[in-house]
C-alpha atoms as a PDB file:
ATOM      1  CA  MET A   1      -0.030   0.161   0.116  1.00  0.00           C
ATOM      2  CA  GLU A   2       1.395   3.132  -1.070  1.00  0.00           C
ATOM      3  CA  GLU A   3       2.075   5.710   1.823  1.00  0.00           C
ATOM      4  CA  LYS A   4       0.368   9.520   1.786  1.00  0.00           C
ATOM      5  CA  ILE A   5       3.172  12.055   0.977  1.00  0.00           C
ATOM      6  CA  ASP A   6       3.180  15.222   3.342  1.00  0.00           C
ATOM      7  CA  GLU A   7       3.481  18.462   1.129  1.00  0.00           C
ATOM      8  CA  LYS A   8       6.980  19.570   3.014  1.00  0.00           C
ATOM      9  CA  SER A   9       8.206  15.473   1.265  1.00  0.00           C
ATOM     10  CA  LEU A  10       6.424  16.825  -1.722  1.00  0.00           C
ATOM     11  CA  VAL A  11       8.561  19.604  -2.243  1.00  0.00           C
ATOM     12  CA  LYS A  12      12.134  17.493  -1.397  1.00  0.00           C
ATOM     13  CA  VAL A  13      10.834  14.982  -4.043  1.00  0.00           C
ATOM     14  CA  LEU A  14      10.169  17.615  -6.571  1.00  0.00           C
ATOM     15  CA  LYS A  15      13.269  19.363  -6.038  1.00  0.00           C
ATOM     16  CA  ALA A  16      15.065  16.591  -6.180  1.00  0.00           C
ATOM     17  CA  VAL A  17      13.596  15.358  -9.247  1.00  0.00           C
ATOM     18  CA  ALA A  18      13.871  18.430 -10.908  1.00  0.00           C
ATOM     19  CA  ASN A  19      17.885  18.188 -11.742  1.00  0.00           C
ATOM     20  CA  GLU A  20      18.284  16.699 -14.973  1.00  0.00           C
ATOM     21  CA  ASN A  21      20.806  14.055 -14.165  1.00  0.00           C
ATOM     22  CA  ARG A  22      18.784  12.416 -10.879  1.00  0.00           C
ATOM     23  CA  PHE A  23      15.767  12.791 -13.514  1.00  0.00           C
ATOM     24  CA  LEU A  24      17.566  10.184 -15.901  1.00  0.00           C
ATOM     25  CA  ILE A  25      18.908   8.395 -13.364  1.00  0.00           C
ATOM     26  CA  LEU A  26      14.541   7.483 -12.410  1.00  0.00           C
ATOM     27  CA  LYS A  27      14.221   6.992 -15.858  1.00  0.00           C
ATOM     28  CA  CYS A  28      16.564   3.996 -16.312  1.00  0.00           C
ATOM     29  CA  LEU A  29      15.466   2.324 -13.240  1.00  0.00           C
ATOM     30  CA  TYR A  30      11.739   3.129 -14.352  1.00  0.00           C
ATOM     31  CA  LYS A  31      12.482   1.210 -17.666  1.00  0.00           C
ATOM     32  CA  ASN A  32      15.234  -1.286 -16.149  1.00  0.00           C
ATOM     33  CA  LYS A  33      13.757  -2.704 -12.637  1.00  0.00           C
ATOM     34  CA  LYS A  34      17.230  -2.652 -11.070  1.00  0.00           C
ATOM     35  CA  LEU A  35      20.754  -1.310 -11.788  1.00  0.00           C
ATOM     36  CA  ALA A  36      24.070  -1.319 -10.205  1.00  0.00           C
ATOM     37  CA  VAL A  37      25.807   2.459 -10.040  1.00  0.00           C
ATOM     38  CA  GLY A  38      28.673   1.266 -12.585  1.00  0.00           C
ATOM     39  CA  ASP A  39      25.427   0.392 -15.274  1.00  0.00           C
ATOM     40  CA  LEU A  40      23.751   3.299 -14.387  1.00  0.00           C
ATOM     41  CA  ALA A  41      26.948   5.790 -15.058  1.00  0.00           C
ATOM     42  CA  GLU A  42      27.405   4.102 -18.258  1.00  0.00           C
ATOM     43  CA  MET A  43      23.879   4.236 -19.129  1.00  0.00           C
ATOM     44  CA  ILE A  44      23.838   8.378 -18.638  1.00  0.00           C
ATOM     45  CA  ASP A  45      27.335   8.756 -19.236  1.00  0.00           C
ATOM     46  CA  LEU A  46      28.590  10.002 -16.062  1.00  0.00           C
ATOM     47  CA  PRO A  47      31.221   9.643 -13.567  1.00  0.00           C
ATOM     48  CA  PHE A  48      30.828   7.039 -11.356  1.00  0.00           C
ATOM     49  CA  ARG A  49      31.055   9.287  -8.187  1.00  0.00           C
ATOM     50  CA  SER A  50      28.276  11.805  -9.738  1.00  0.00           C
ATOM     51  CA  VAL A  51      25.980   9.061 -10.476  1.00  0.00           C
ATOM     52  CA  SER A  52      26.654   7.867  -6.906  1.00  0.00           C
ATOM     53  CA  LYS A  53      26.170  11.246  -4.937  1.00  0.00           C
ATOM     54  CA  ASP A  54      22.702  11.429  -7.014  1.00  0.00           C
ATOM     55  CA  LEU A  55      21.896   8.372  -5.870  1.00  0.00           C
ATOM     56  CA  GLY A  56      22.803   9.611  -2.288  1.00  0.00           C
ATOM     57  CA  VAL A  57      19.704  12.379  -2.995  1.00  0.00           C
ATOM     58  CA  LEU A  58      17.674  10.126  -4.045  1.00  0.00           C
ATOM     59  CA  ARG A  59      17.967   7.526  -1.326  1.00  0.00           C
ATOM     60  CA  ARG A  60      17.425  10.427   1.225  1.00  0.00           C
ATOM     61  CA  VAL A  61      14.168  11.714  -0.492  1.00  0.00           C
ATOM     62  CA  GLU A  62      12.941   8.111  -0.597  1.00  0.00           C
ATOM     63  CA  LEU A  63      12.890   7.765  -4.441  1.00  0.00           C
ATOM     64  CA  VAL A  64      15.021   4.673  -4.710  1.00  0.00           C
ATOM     65  CA  GLN A  65      15.793   1.514  -2.596  1.00  0.00           C
ATOM     66  CA  PHE A  66      18.928  -1.249  -3.090  1.00  0.00           C
ATOM     67  CA  ARG A  67      20.309  -3.915  -1.873  1.00  0.00           C
ATOM     68  CA  ASN A  68      23.747  -5.205  -2.027  1.00  0.00           C
ATOM     69  CA  PHE A  69      24.193  -8.678  -3.608  1.00  0.00           C
ATOM     70  CA  ASN A  70      27.695  -9.277  -3.653  1.00  0.00           C
ATOM     71  CA  LEU A  71      30.481  -6.205  -3.811  1.00  0.00           C
ATOM     72  CA  ASN A  72      27.860  -4.544  -6.069  1.00  0.00           C
ATOM     73  CA  ARG A  73      24.780  -2.496  -5.017  1.00  0.00           C
ATOM     74  CA  TYR A  74      21.908  -2.550  -7.007  1.00  0.00           C
ATOM     75  CA  TYR A  75      19.373   0.097  -7.229  1.00  0.00           C
ATOM     76  CA  SER A  76      15.546   0.616  -7.650  1.00  0.00           C
ATOM     77  CA  LEU A  77      12.775   2.783  -7.570  1.00  0.00           C
ATOM     78  CA  ASN A  78      10.999   3.302  -3.981  1.00  0.00           C
ATOM     79  CA  THR A  79       6.997   2.578  -5.500  1.00  0.00           C
ATOM     80  CA  THR A  80       5.801   2.799  -1.716  1.00  0.00           C
ATOM     81  CA  LYS A  81       6.995   6.016  -1.572  1.00  0.00           C
ATOM     82  CA  VAL A  82       5.867   7.487  -5.456  1.00  0.00           C
ATOM     83  CA  SER A  83       3.131   5.523  -7.085  1.00  0.00           C
ATOM     84  CA  LYS A  84       4.154   3.697 -10.325  1.00  0.00           C
ATOM     85  CA  GLU A  85       1.912   6.243 -11.894  1.00  0.00           C
ATOM     86  CA  LEU A  86       3.449   9.294 -10.906  1.00  0.00           C
ATOM     87  CA  PHE A  87       6.926   8.065 -12.381  1.00  0.00           C
ATOM     88  CA  HIS A  88       4.709   6.587 -15.689  1.00  0.00           C
ATOM     89  CA  PHE A  89       3.863  10.149 -16.023  1.00  0.00           C
ATOM     90  CA  LEU A  90       7.327  11.960 -15.997  1.00  0.00           C
ATOM     91  CA  VAL A  91       9.347   9.457 -17.827  1.00  0.00           C
ATOM     92  CA  GLU A  92       6.543   9.344 -20.336  1.00  0.00           C
ATOM     93  CA  TRP A  93       6.347  13.391 -20.670  1.00  0.00           C
ATOM     94  CA  TRP A  94      10.407  13.275 -20.637  1.00  0.00           C
ATOM     95  CA  ASP A  95       9.712  10.915 -23.894  1.00  0.00           C
ATOM     96  CA  ASN A  96       7.385  13.281 -25.740  1.00  0.00           C
END
């Protein structure tokens, strides 16, 4: 079940998504379900360190979640915090 998001949290989420690199990360995760940091960096052509920093921002506003597997950290969308429909809308809007 999805949580209700309060106004203050929503503003933080929207600020996080307003950054183009973080939006591209979310878009890749939406399309690929889960990815390692290195895979994301390669897909959006950014340094590993930048992607890792942006994932930290997205994690703090609870847009992404991660799982450690062996030596890799795999990220995915946190759809318990923000609805799949919102992610779908943002990605479809961006593609048009």
